[in-house]
C-alpha atoms as a PDB file:
ATOM      1  CA  MET A   1     -19.806 -22.474  11.042  1.00  0.00           C
ATOM      2  CA  SER A   2     -20.408 -19.354  13.134  1.00  0.00           C
ATOM      3  CA  VAL A   3     -18.816 -16.026  12.216  1.00  0.00           C
ATOM      4  CA  ALA A   4     -16.800 -16.003  15.451  1.00  0.00           C
ATOM      5  CA  VAL A   5     -15.298 -19.436  14.764  1.00  0.00           C
ATOM      6  CA  GLY A   6     -14.399 -18.416  11.214  1.00  0.00           C
ATOM      7  CA  PHE A   7     -12.854 -15.222  12.590  1.00  0.00           C
ATOM      8  CA  VAL A   8     -10.584 -17.154  14.971  1.00  0.00           C
ATOM      9  CA  LEU A   9      -9.633 -19.741  12.345  1.00  0.00           C
ATOM     10  CA  THR A  10      -8.764 -16.941   9.919  1.00  0.00           C
ATOM     11  CA  GLY A  11      -6.451 -15.414  12.516  1.00  0.00           C
ATOM     12  CA  VAL A  12      -4.740 -18.749  13.133  1.00  0.00           C
ATOM     13  CA  ILE A  13      -4.277 -19.491   9.425  1.00  0.00           C
ATOM     14  CA  TRP A  14      -3.089 -15.973   8.578  1.00  0.00           C
ATOM     15  CA  GLY A  15      -0.762 -16.031  11.580  1.00  0.00           C
ATOM     16  CA  SER A  16       0.702 -19.289  10.249  1.00  0.00           C
ATOM     17  CA  SER A  17       1.111 -17.733   6.787  1.00  0.00           C
ATOM     18  CA  PHE A  18       4.220 -15.852   7.897  1.00  0.00           C
ATOM     19  CA  LEU A  19       5.866 -19.181   8.731  1.00  0.00           C
ATOM     20  CA  PHE A  20       4.745 -20.642   5.389  1.00  0.00           C
ATOM     21  CA  MET A  21       6.185 -17.649   3.509  1.00  0.00           C
ATOM     22  CA  LYS A  22       9.490 -17.883   5.347  1.00  0.00           C
ATOM     23  CA  VAL A  23       9.835 -21.589   4.533  1.00  0.00           C
ATOM     24  CA  ALA A  24       8.758 -21.103   0.901  1.00  0.00           C
ATOM     25  CA  LEU A  25      11.387 -18.386   0.433  1.00  0.00           C
ATOM     26  CA  GLY A  26      14.003 -21.094   0.982  1.00  0.00           C
ATOM     27  CA  GLY A  27      13.414 -22.286  -2.575  1.00  0.00           C
ATOM     28  CA  LEU A  28      11.332 -19.641  -4.349  1.00  0.00           C
ATOM     29  CA  SER A  29      11.805 -15.976  -5.128  1.00  0.00           C
ATOM     30  CA  PRO A  30       9.497 -13.453  -3.402  1.00  0.00           C
ATOM     31  CA  ALA A  31       7.532 -12.951  -6.623  1.00  0.00           C
ATOM     32  CA  GLN A  32       7.167 -16.710  -7.055  1.00  0.00           C
ATOM     33  CA  VAL A  33       5.793 -17.035  -3.517  1.00  0.00           C
ATOM     34  CA  ALA A  34       3.194 -14.324  -4.206  1.00  0.00           C
ATOM     35  CA  TRP A  35       2.438 -15.863  -7.615  1.00  0.00           C
ATOM     36  CA  SER A  36       1.988 -19.352  -6.175  1.00  0.00           C
ATOM     37  CA  ARG A  37      -0.283 -18.364  -3.298  1.00  0.00           C
ATOM     38  CA  LEU A  38      -2.567 -16.353  -5.572  1.00  0.00           C
ATOM     39  CA  VAL A  39      -2.823 -18.990  -8.300  1.00  0.00           C
ATOM     40  CA  LEU A  40      -3.404 -21.812  -5.809  1.00  0.00           C
ATOM     41  CA  GLY A  41      -5.890 -19.704  -3.872  1.00  0.00           C
ATOM     42  CA  ALA A  42      -7.801 -18.905  -7.065  1.00  0.00           C
ATOM     43  CA  LEU A  43      -7.907 -22.579  -8.041  1.00  0.00           C
ATOM     44  CA  ALA A  44      -9.199 -23.583  -4.585  1.00  0.00           C
ATOM     45  CA  LEU A  45     -11.876 -20.882  -4.580  1.00  0.00           C
ATOM     46  CA  GLY A  46     -12.798 -21.641  -8.192  1.00  0.00           C
ATOM     47  CA  LEU A  47     -13.416 -25.262  -7.227  1.00  0.00           C
ATOM     48  CA  PHE A  48     -15.850 -24.167  -4.502  1.00  0.00           C
ATOM     49  CA  VAL A  49     -17.603 -21.803  -6.938  1.00  0.00           C
ATOM     50  CA  ALA A  50     -17.973 -24.622  -9.475  1.00  0.00           C
ATOM     51  CA  ILE A  51     -19.377 -26.988  -6.852  1.00  0.00           C
ATOM     52  CA  ARG A  52     -21.928 -24.415  -5.709  1.00  0.00           C
ATOM     53  CA  ARG A  53     -22.591 -23.306  -9.305  1.00  0.00           C
ATOM     54  CA  GLU A  54     -22.565 -19.621  -8.431  1.00  0.00           C
ATOM     55  CA  ALA A  55     -22.900 -17.190 -11.316  1.00  0.00           C
ATOM     56  CA  LEU A  56     -20.373 -14.452 -12.007  1.00  0.00           C
ATOM     57  CA  PRO A  57     -21.608 -10.857 -11.625  1.00  0.00           C
ATOM     58  CA  ARG A  58     -22.658  -9.109 -14.817  1.00  0.00           C
ATOM     59  CA  ARG A  59     -22.242  -5.475 -13.844  1.00  0.00           C
ATOM     60  CA  LEU A  60     -19.084  -3.909 -15.300  1.00  0.00           C
ATOM     61  CA  ALA A  61     -18.738  -1.619 -12.270  1.00  0.00           C
ATOM     62  CA  VAL A  62     -18.408  -4.633  -9.981  1.00  0.00           C
ATOM     63  CA  TRP A  63     -15.555  -6.015 -12.076  1.00  0.00           C
ATOM     64  CA  GLY A  64     -13.855  -2.603 -11.975  1.00  0.00           C
ATOM     65  CA  HIS A  65     -14.045  -2.366  -8.188  1.00  0.00           C
ATOM     66  CA  MET A  66     -12.872  -5.953  -7.779  1.00  0.00           C
ATOM     67  CA  THR A  67      -9.870  -5.256 -10.022  1.00  0.00           C
ATOM     68  CA  VAL A  68      -8.886  -2.327  -7.806  1.00  0.00           C
ATOM     69  CA  LEU A  69      -9.172  -4.600  -4.772  1.00  0.00           C
ATOM     70  CA  ALA A  70      -7.219  -7.369  -6.507  1.00  0.00           C
ATOM     71  CA  VAL A  71      -4.277  -5.005  -6.923  1.00  0.00           C
ATOM     72  CA  SER A  72      -4.486  -3.210  -3.559  1.00  0.00           C
ATOM     73  CA  PHE A  73      -5.572  -6.125  -1.359  1.00  0.00           C
ATOM     74  CA  CYS A  74      -3.558  -8.926  -2.972  1.00  0.00           C
ATOM     75  CA  VAL A  75      -0.947  -8.246  -5.650  1.00  0.00           C
ATOM     76  CA  VAL A  76       0.927  -5.317  -4.097  1.00  0.00           C
ATOM     77  CA  PRO A  77       0.851  -6.344  -0.398  1.00  0.00           C
ATOM     78  CA  PHE A  78       1.661  -9.984  -1.177  1.00  0.00           C
ATOM     79  CA  LEU A  79       4.717  -8.934  -3.162  1.00  0.00           C
ATOM     80  CA  LEU A  80       5.795  -6.526  -0.412  1.00  0.00           C
ATOM     81  CA  PHE A  81       5.388  -9.099   2.355  1.00  0.00           C
ATOM     82  CA  SER A  82       7.231 -11.791   0.390  1.00  0.00           C
ATOM     83  CA  TRP A  83      10.135  -9.484  -0.387  1.00  0.00           C
ATOM     84  CA  ALA A  84      10.322  -8.126   3.161  1.00  0.00           C
ATOM     85  CA  GLN A  85      10.415 -11.542   4.791  1.00  0.00           C
ATOM     86  CA  GLN A  86      13.799 -12.181   3.197  1.00  0.00           C
ATOM     87  CA  HIS A  87      15.175  -9.587   5.629  1.00  0.00           C
ATOM     88  CA  VAL A  88      13.006  -9.768   8.768  1.00  0.00           C
ATOM     89  CA  THR A  89      11.776 -12.612  10.948  1.00  0.00           C
ATOM     90  CA  SER A  90       8.340 -14.088  10.426  1.00  0.00           C
ATOM     91  CA  GLY A  91       7.446 -13.029  13.988  1.00  0.00           C
ATOM     92  CA  LEU A  92       8.308  -9.378  13.318  1.00  0.00           C
ATOM     93  CA  ALA A  93       6.334  -9.445  10.064  1.00  0.00           C
ATOM     94  CA  SER A  94       3.289 -10.764  11.936  1.00  0.00           C
ATOM     95  CA  ILE A  95       3.655  -8.009  14.558  1.00  0.00           C
ATOM     96  CA  TYR A  96       3.706  -5.312  11.892  1.00  0.00           C
ATOM     97  CA  ASN A  97       0.659  -6.903  10.277  1.00  0.00           C
ATOM     98  CA  ALA A  98      -1.239  -5.848  13.421  1.00  0.00           C
ATOM     99  CA  THR A  99      -1.084  -2.213  12.266  1.00  0.00           C
ATOM    100  CA  THR A 100      -3.812  -2.989   9.718  1.00  0.00           C
ATOM    101  CA  PRO A 101      -6.720  -1.681  11.884  1.00  0.00           C
ATOM    102  CA  ILE A 102      -4.885   1.621  12.404  1.00  0.00           C
ATOM    103  CA  MET A 103      -4.288   1.909   8.660  1.00  0.00           C
ATOM    104  CA  THR A 104      -7.968   1.105   8.094  1.00  0.00           C
ATOM    105  CA  ALA A 105      -9.078   3.868  10.461  1.00  0.00           C
ATOM    106  CA  ILE A 106      -6.804   6.386   8.727  1.00  0.00           C
ATOM    107  CA  MET A 107      -7.979   5.416   5.239  1.00  0.00           C
ATOM    108  CA  ALA A 108     -11.669   5.306   6.215  1.00  0.00           C
ATOM    109  CA  ALA A 109     -11.491   8.774   7.765  1.00  0.00           C
ATOM    110  CA  LEU A 110      -9.008  10.709   5.629  1.00  0.00           C
ATOM    111  CA  VAL A 111      -9.129   9.087   2.194  1.00  0.00           C
ATOM    112  CA  PHE A 112     -12.688   7.816   1.726  1.00  0.00           C
ATOM    113  CA  ARG A 113     -14.361   9.884   4.463  1.00  0.00           C
ATOM    114  CA  VAL A 114     -16.709   7.104   5.514  1.00  0.00           C
ATOM    115  CA  GLU A 115     -15.850   7.636   9.181  1.00  0.00           C
ATOM    116  CA  ARG A 116     -15.106  10.605  11.422  1.00  0.00           C
ATOM    117  CA  LEU A 117     -12.183  10.438  13.800  1.00  0.00           C
ATOM    118  CA  THR A 118     -12.791  11.527  17.382  1.00  0.00           C
ATOM    119  CA  PRO A 119      -9.968  13.034  19.466  1.00  0.00           C
ATOM    120  CA  VAL A 120      -9.603   9.660  21.233  1.00  0.00           C
ATOM    121  CA  GLN A 121      -9.210   7.895  17.875  1.00  0.00           C
ATOM    122  CA  VAL A 122      -6.609  10.429  16.746  1.00  0.00           C
ATOM    123  CA  GLY A 123      -4.746   9.789  19.984  1.00  0.00           C
ATOM    124  CA  GLY A 124      -4.981   6.052  19.348  1.00  0.00           C
ATOM    125  CA  ILE A 125      -3.474   6.450  15.873  1.00  0.00           C
ATOM    126  CA  ALA A 126      -0.651   8.551  17.314  1.00  0.00           C
ATOM    127  CA  LEU A 127      -0.073   5.931  20.012  1.00  0.00           C
ATOM    128  CA  GLY A 128      -0.017   3.182  17.394  1.00  0.00           C
ATOM    129  CA  ILE A 129       2.586   5.090  15.401  1.00  0.00           C
ATOM    130  CA  SER A 130       4.692   5.490  18.539  1.00  0.00           C
ATOM    131  CA  GLY A 131       4.459   1.711  19.013  1.00  0.00           C
ATOM    132  CA  VAL A 132       5.851   1.225  15.521  1.00  0.00           C
ATOM    133  CA  VAL A 133       8.732   3.547  16.442  1.00  0.00           C
ATOM    134  CA  VAL A 134       9.461   1.376  19.492  1.00  0.00           C
ATOM    135  CA  ILE A 135       9.567  -1.713  17.255  1.00  0.00           C
ATOM    136  CA  ILE A 136      11.925  -0.008  14.790  1.00  0.00           C
ATOM    137  CA  ALA A 137      14.131   1.059  17.753  1.00  0.00           C
ATOM    138  CA  PRO A 138      15.778   4.179  16.277  1.00  0.00           C
ATOM    139  CA  TRP A 139      18.019   4.451  19.375  1.00  0.00           C
ATOM    140  CA  GLN A 140      19.916   1.451  17.998  1.00  0.00           C
ATOM    141  CA  GLY A 141      20.853   3.505  14.947  1.00  0.00           C
ATOM    142  CA  LEU A 142      19.159   3.784  11.553  1.00  0.00           C
ATOM    143  CA  ASP A 143      21.576   2.591   8.907  1.00  0.00           C
ATOM    144  CA  LEU A 144      18.938   2.185   6.175  1.00  0.00           C
ATOM    145  CA  SER A 145      19.799  -1.497   5.932  1.00  0.00           C
ATOM    146  CA  GLN A 146      17.619  -3.996   4.127  1.00  0.00           C
ATOM    147  CA  SER A 147      15.924  -4.826   7.439  1.00  0.00           C
ATOM    148  CA  LEU A 148      14.744  -1.249   7.969  1.00  0.00           C
ATOM    149  CA  VAL A 149      13.597  -0.921   4.363  1.00  0.00           C
ATOM    150  CA  ALA A 150      11.789  -4.244   4.735  1.00  0.00           C
ATOM    151  CA  GLN A 151       9.964  -2.993   7.812  1.00  0.00           C
ATOM    152  CA  PHE A 152       8.723   0.041   5.899  1.00  0.00           C
ATOM    153  CA  ALA A 153       7.723  -2.253   3.035  1.00  0.00           C
ATOM    154  CA  ILE A 154       5.523  -4.229   5.451  1.00  0.00           C
ATOM    155  CA  LEU A 155       3.956  -0.991   6.668  1.00  0.00           C
ATOM    156  CA  GLY A 156       3.268  -0.195   3.014  1.00  0.00           C
ATOM    157  CA  ALA A 157       1.548  -3.575   2.705  1.00  0.00           C
ATOM    158  CA  THR A 158      -0.663  -2.934   5.752  1.00  0.00           C
ATOM    159  CA  ALA A 159      -1.477   0.505   4.320  1.00  0.00           C
ATOM    160  CA  CYS A 160      -2.694  -1.345   1.223  1.00  0.00           C
ATOM    161  CA  TYR A 161      -4.871  -3.546   3.446  1.00  0.00           C
ATOM    162  CA  GLY A 162      -6.283  -0.484   5.191  1.00  0.00           C
ATOM    163  CA  PHE A 163      -7.004   1.186   1.847  1.00  0.00           C
ATOM    164  CA  SER A 164      -8.701  -1.971   0.572  1.00  0.00           C
ATOM    165  CA  LEU A 165     -10.924  -2.473   3.618  1.00  0.00           C
ATOM    166  CA  ALA A 166     -12.057   1.155   3.492  1.00  0.00           C
ATOM    167  CA  TYR A 167     -12.554   0.854  -0.282  1.00  0.00           C
ATOM    168  CA  MET A 168     -14.751  -2.206   0.266  1.00  0.00           C
ATOM    169  CA  ARG A 169     -16.947  -0.251   2.627  1.00  0.00           C
ATOM    170  CA  ARG A 170     -17.202   2.704   0.248  1.00  0.00           C
ATOM    171  CA  PHE A 171     -17.637   0.969  -3.105  1.00  0.00           C
ATOM    172  CA  ALA A 172     -18.133  -2.789  -2.737  1.00  0.00           C
ATOM    173  CA  SER A 173     -20.458  -3.284   0.213  1.00  0.00           C
ATOM    174  CA  ASP A 174     -23.601  -3.870  -1.889  1.00  0.00           C
ATOM    175  CA  THR A 175     -22.399  -5.930  -4.832  1.00  0.00           C
ATOM    176  CA  GLY A 176     -24.909  -8.691  -4.102  1.00  0.00           C
ATOM    177  CA  MET A 177     -22.176 -11.350  -4.261  1.00  0.00           C
ATOM    178  CA  SER A 178     -21.789 -14.104  -1.697  1.00  0.00           C
ATOM    179  CA  PRO A 179     -18.591 -14.123   0.424  1.00  0.00           C
ATOM    180  CA  LEU A 180     -17.380 -17.022  -1.722  1.00  0.00           C
ATOM    181  CA  MET A 181     -17.895 -15.236  -5.031  1.00  0.00           C
ATOM    182  CA  PHE A 182     -16.442 -12.003  -3.642  1.00  0.00           C
ATOM    183  CA  SER A 183     -13.313 -13.848  -2.505  1.00  0.00           C
ATOM    184  CA  PHE A 184     -13.035 -15.758  -5.784  1.00  0.00           C
ATOM    185  CA  LEU A 185     -13.168 -12.599  -7.880  1.00  0.00           C
ATOM    186  CA  ASN A 186     -10.721 -10.823  -5.594  1.00  0.00           C
ATOM    187  CA  ILE A 187      -8.146 -13.623  -5.635  1.00  0.00           C
ATOM    188  CA  GLY A 188      -8.961 -14.762  -9.173  1.00  0.00           C
ATOM    189  CA  ILE A 189      -8.364 -11.365 -10.777  1.00  0.00           C
ATOM    190  CA  ALA A 190      -5.161 -10.965  -8.744  1.00  0.00           C
ATOM    191  CA  ALA A 191      -4.010 -14.407  -9.926  1.00  0.00           C
ATOM    192  CA  ALA A 192      -4.749 -13.458 -13.542  1.00  0.00           C
ATOM    193  CA  ILE A 193      -2.649 -10.314 -13.136  1.00  0.00           C
ATOM    194  CA  MET A 194       0.229 -12.365 -11.728  1.00  0.00           C
ATOM    195  CA  VAL A 195      -0.017 -14.878 -14.588  1.00  0.00           C
ATOM    196  CA  LEU A 196       0.221 -12.010 -17.077  1.00  0.00           C
ATOM    197  CA  LEU A 197       3.304 -10.756 -15.236  1.00  0.00           C
ATOM    198  CA  THR A 198       4.923 -14.203 -15.184  1.00  0.00           C
ATOM    199  CA  PRO A 199       7.580 -13.515 -17.866  1.00  0.00           C
ATOM    200  CA  ALA A 200       8.752 -10.449 -15.978  1.00  0.00           C
ATOM    201  CA  ILE A 201       8.705 -11.640 -12.367  1.00  0.00           C
ATOM    202  CA  ALA A 202       8.383 -15.391 -11.983  1.00  0.00           C
ATOM    203  CA  LEU A 203      10.601 -17.158 -14.525  1.00  0.00           C
ATOM    204  CA  THR A 204      13.571 -17.803 -12.258  1.00  0.00           C
ATOM    205  CA  PRO A 205      15.024 -21.118 -10.987  1.00  0.00           C
ATOM    206  CA  VAL A 206      13.306 -22.827  -8.067  1.00  0.00           C
ATOM    207  CA  THR A 207      14.474 -25.314  -5.447  1.00  0.00           C
ATOM    208  CA  LEU A 208      11.773 -27.565  -4.038  1.00  0.00           C
ATOM    209  CA  ASP A 209      11.614 -29.968  -1.130  1.00  0.00           C
ATOM    210  CA  PRO A 210       8.593 -31.463   0.683  1.00  0.00           C
ATOM    211  CA  TRP A 211       8.486 -28.652   3.286  1.00  0.00           C
ATOM    212  CA  ILE A 212       8.562 -25.908   0.666  1.00  0.00           C
ATOM    213  CA  VAL A 213       5.845 -27.608  -1.390  1.00  0.00           C
ATOM    214  CA  LEU A 214       3.678 -28.141   1.700  1.00  0.00           C
ATOM    215  CA  SER A 215       4.155 -24.525   2.805  1.00  0.00           C
ATOM    216  CA  VAL A 216       3.159 -23.184  -0.614  1.00  0.00           C
ATOM    217  CA  LEU A 217       0.080 -25.430  -0.749  1.00  0.00           C
ATOM    218  CA  LEU A 218      -1.067 -24.368   2.727  1.00  0.00           C
ATOM    219  CA  LEU A 219      -0.296 -20.718   2.029  1.00  0.00           C
ATOM    220  CA  GLY A 220      -2.260 -20.806  -1.223  1.00  0.00           C
ATOM    221  CA  CYS A 221      -5.188 -23.140  -0.616  1.00  0.00           C
ATOM    222  CA  LEU A 222      -5.829 -22.193   3.019  1.00  0.00           C
ATOM    223  CA  GLY A 223      -4.261 -18.792   3.646  1.00  0.00           C
ATOM    224  CA  THR A 224      -5.233 -17.284   0.291  1.00  0.00           C
ATOM    225  CA  GLY A 225      -8.256 -19.470  -0.387  1.00  0.00           C
ATOM    226  CA  VAL A 226     -10.515 -20.723   2.373  1.00  0.00           C
ATOM    227  CA  ALA A 227      -9.489 -18.048   4.914  1.00  0.00           C
ATOM    228  CA  TYR A 228     -10.598 -15.297   2.553  1.00  0.00           C
ATOM    229  CA  ILE A 229     -14.132 -16.718   2.492  1.00  0.00           C
ATOM    230  CA  TRP A 230     -14.242 -16.664   6.292  1.00  0.00           C
ATOM    231  CA  ASN A 231     -12.823 -13.136   6.328  1.00  0.00           C
ATOM    232  CA  GLN A 232     -15.464 -11.897   3.890  1.00  0.00           C
ATOM    233  CA  SER A 233     -18.180 -13.450   6.030  1.00  0.00           C
ATOM    234  CA  THR A 234     -16.763 -11.561   9.011  1.00  0.00           C
ATOM    235  CA  VAL A 235     -16.631  -8.294   7.052  1.00  0.00           C
ATOM    236  CA  ARG A 236     -20.289  -8.741   6.076  1.00  0.00           C
ATOM    237  CA  ALA A 237     -21.374  -9.532   9.634  1.00  0.00           C
ATOM    238  CA  TRP A 238     -19.166  -7.205  11.680  1.00  0.00           C
ATOM    239  CA  GLY A 239     -18.016  -4.510   9.239  1.00  0.00           C
ATOM    240  CA  PRO A 240     -14.471  -3.861   7.926  1.00  0.00           C
ATOM    241  CA  THR A 241     -13.119  -2.150  11.046  1.00  0.00           C
ATOM    242  CA  ARG A 242     -14.087  -4.925  13.470  1.00  0.00           C
ATOM    243  CA  ALA A 243     -13.124  -7.590  10.913  1.00  0.00           C
ATOM    244  CA  SER A 244      -9.625  -6.083  10.671  1.00  0.00           C
ATOM    245  CA  THR A 245      -9.096  -6.932  14.354  1.00  0.00           C
ATOM    246  CA  VAL A 246      -8.227 -10.441  13.181  1.00  0.00           C
ATOM    247  CA  THR A 247      -4.720  -8.969  13.296  1.00  0.00           C
ATOM    248  CA  TYR A 248      -4.949  -9.227  17.101  1.00  0.00           C
ATOM    249  CA  ILE A 249      -4.571 -12.992  16.626  1.00  0.00           C
ATOM    250  CA  THR A 250      -2.012 -13.197  13.830  1.00  0.00           C
ATOM    251  CA  PRO A 251       0.981 -11.766  15.785  1.00  0.00           C
ATOM    252  CA  LEU A 252       0.510 -14.265  18.607  1.00  0.00           C
ATOM    253  CA  VAL A 253       0.446 -17.182  16.179  1.00  0.00           C
ATOM    254  CA  GLY A 254       3.229 -15.776  13.999  1.00  0.00           C
ATOM    255  CA  VAL A 255       5.601 -15.031  16.876  1.00  0.00           C
ATOM    256  CA  VAL A 256       5.054 -18.386  18.615  1.00  0.00           C
ATOM    257  CA  LEU A 257       5.575 -20.370  15.391  1.00  0.00           C
ATOM    258  CA  GLY A 258       8.661 -18.334  14.537  1.00  0.00           C
ATOM    259  CA  LEU A 259      10.172 -19.050  17.944  1.00  0.00           C
ATOM    260  CA  LEU A 260       9.249 -22.738  18.096  1.00  0.00           C
ATOM    261  CA  VAL A 261       9.644 -23.842  14.478  1.00  0.00           C
ATOM    262  CA  LEU A 262      12.258 -21.497  13.012  1.00  0.00           C
ATOM    263  CA  GLY A 263      14.204 -20.726  16.179  1.00  0.00           C
ATOM    264  CA  GLU A 264      13.834 -16.973  15.662  1.00  0.00           C
ATOM    265  CA  HIS A 265      14.837 -14.502  18.360  1.00  0.00           C
ATOM    266  CA  LEU A 266      12.618 -11.754  19.771  1.00  0.00           C
ATOM    267  CA  SER A 267      14.101  -8.461  20.952  1.00  0.00           C
ATOM    268  CA  TRP A 268      12.507  -6.840  24.010  1.00  0.00           C
ATOM    269  CA  ASN A 269      11.327  -3.809  22.032  1.00  0.00           C
ATOM    270  CA  GLU A 270       9.246  -5.893  19.616  1.00  0.00           C
ATOM    271  CA  PRO A 271       6.633  -7.231  22.089  1.00  0.00           C
ATOM    272  CA  VAL A 272       6.659  -3.915  23.984  1.00  0.00           C
ATOM    273  CA  GLY A 273       6.041  -1.999  20.769  1.00  0.00           C
ATOM    274  CA  ALA A 274       3.340  -4.509  19.815  1.00  0.00           C
ATOM    275  CA  LEU A 275       1.524  -3.868  23.117  1.00  0.00           C
ATOM    276  CA  VAL A 276       1.650  -0.110  22.456  1.00  0.00           C
ATOM    277  CA  VAL A 277       0.276  -0.712  18.952  1.00  0.00           C
ATOM    278  CA  PHE A 278      -2.563  -2.858  20.344  1.00  0.00           C
ATOM    279  CA  LEU A 279      -3.502  -0.139  22.841  1.00  0.00           C
ATOM    280  CA  GLY A 280      -3.494   2.358  19.993  1.00  0.00           C
ATOM    281  CA  ILE A 281      -5.770   0.051  18.005  1.00  0.00           C
ATOM    282  CA  LEU A 282      -8.233  -0.158  20.898  1.00  0.00           C
ATOM    283  CA  LEU A 283      -8.377   3.637  21.081  1.00  0.00           C
ATOM    284  CA  ALA A 284      -8.517   4.081  17.291  1.00  0.00           C
ATOM    285  CA  GLN A 285     -11.490   1.720  17.108  1.00  0.00           C
ATOM    286  CA  ASN A 286     -13.336   3.385  20.006  1.00  0.00           C
ATOM    287  CA  ARG A 287     -13.073   0.266  22.144  1.00  0.00           C
ATOM    288  CA  VAL A 288     -11.946   2.291  25.168  1.00  0.00           C
ATOM    289  CA  ARG A 289     -14.613   4.851  26.034  1.00  0.00           C
ATOM    290  CA  PHE A 290     -13.399   7.215  28.712  1.00  0.00           C
ATOM    291  CA  GLY A 291     -16.484   9.418  28.454  1.00  0.00           C
ATOM    292  CA  ARG A 292     -18.906   6.666  29.358  1.00  0.00           C
ATOM    293  CA  ARG A 293     -16.801   5.605  32.313  1.00  0.00           C
ATOM    294  CA  SER A 294     -16.598   9.112  33.680  1.00  0.00           C
ATOM    295  CA  ARG A 295     -20.362   9.635  33.289  1.00  0.00           C
ATOM    296  CA  ALA A 296     -21.007   6.338  35.028  1.00  0.00           C
ATOM    297  CA  ALA A 297     -18.706   7.344  37.860  1.00  0.00           C
ATOM    298  CA  SER A 298     -20.476  10.708  38.171  1.00  0.00           C
ATOM    299  CA  ALA A 299     -23.859   9.002  38.258  1.00  0.00           C
ATOM    300  CA  GLY A 300     -22.593   6.645  40.931  1.00  0.00           C
END
């Protein structure tokens, strides 16, 4: 499979994950949804590792970095997304997920200093933030309801993704592991952490039906298993910043599925704000180069 095909499939599966989470929350607690997707994802990836007979890394530093990523890339954002989707639509959650590239640019430049921001990129980040403001719609009144808190929780989750992608570039880009082993350690360590936390967060009653079971299986085995292998392959081939643009695809899939399957409603400010965010992403990732155009026009 080519990297581009895996990239698109990852976007489709991750876009569908917001629907799966919403359905699963009909019978499971937010912590149980996060617990289930990580454990199932680890089991799926572990099966692939066993089939390919790949050896675990021996360097202690690698295990340390992967533990950091397990917490920042999986445990914390998965819990935040699961909790938040009790209070917001799956379509809105998928739109907010598109802020990941902006968070990645901020973390790569300001926290890990592996990139330098140009004035155009700074403008793109500011534009992306203004798009988030449009989505929040402060003119409608900010009553600090669960919905508003949930929206900020999702932004906290995408900040975790941005931190993790920049961290990968800074500390985990030369581990020597295959995309499969990298994904297995990432999800596997996160699953182990969740299993240890089971008495505190996951021992509550559950209500299961075929749709909830199917959603959890797809969310875990595909969304938190196979898709992570494809994503790691994309990160290796294209770099973390370009790989994070998979969030261009996820809002389209998430919004459409929310409208068609769950009957969710979309306010006018949400797609408008999403378009502003996307433009900000293009600028933040240097995909709109005004300088080159002006020089070309001068030469012409």
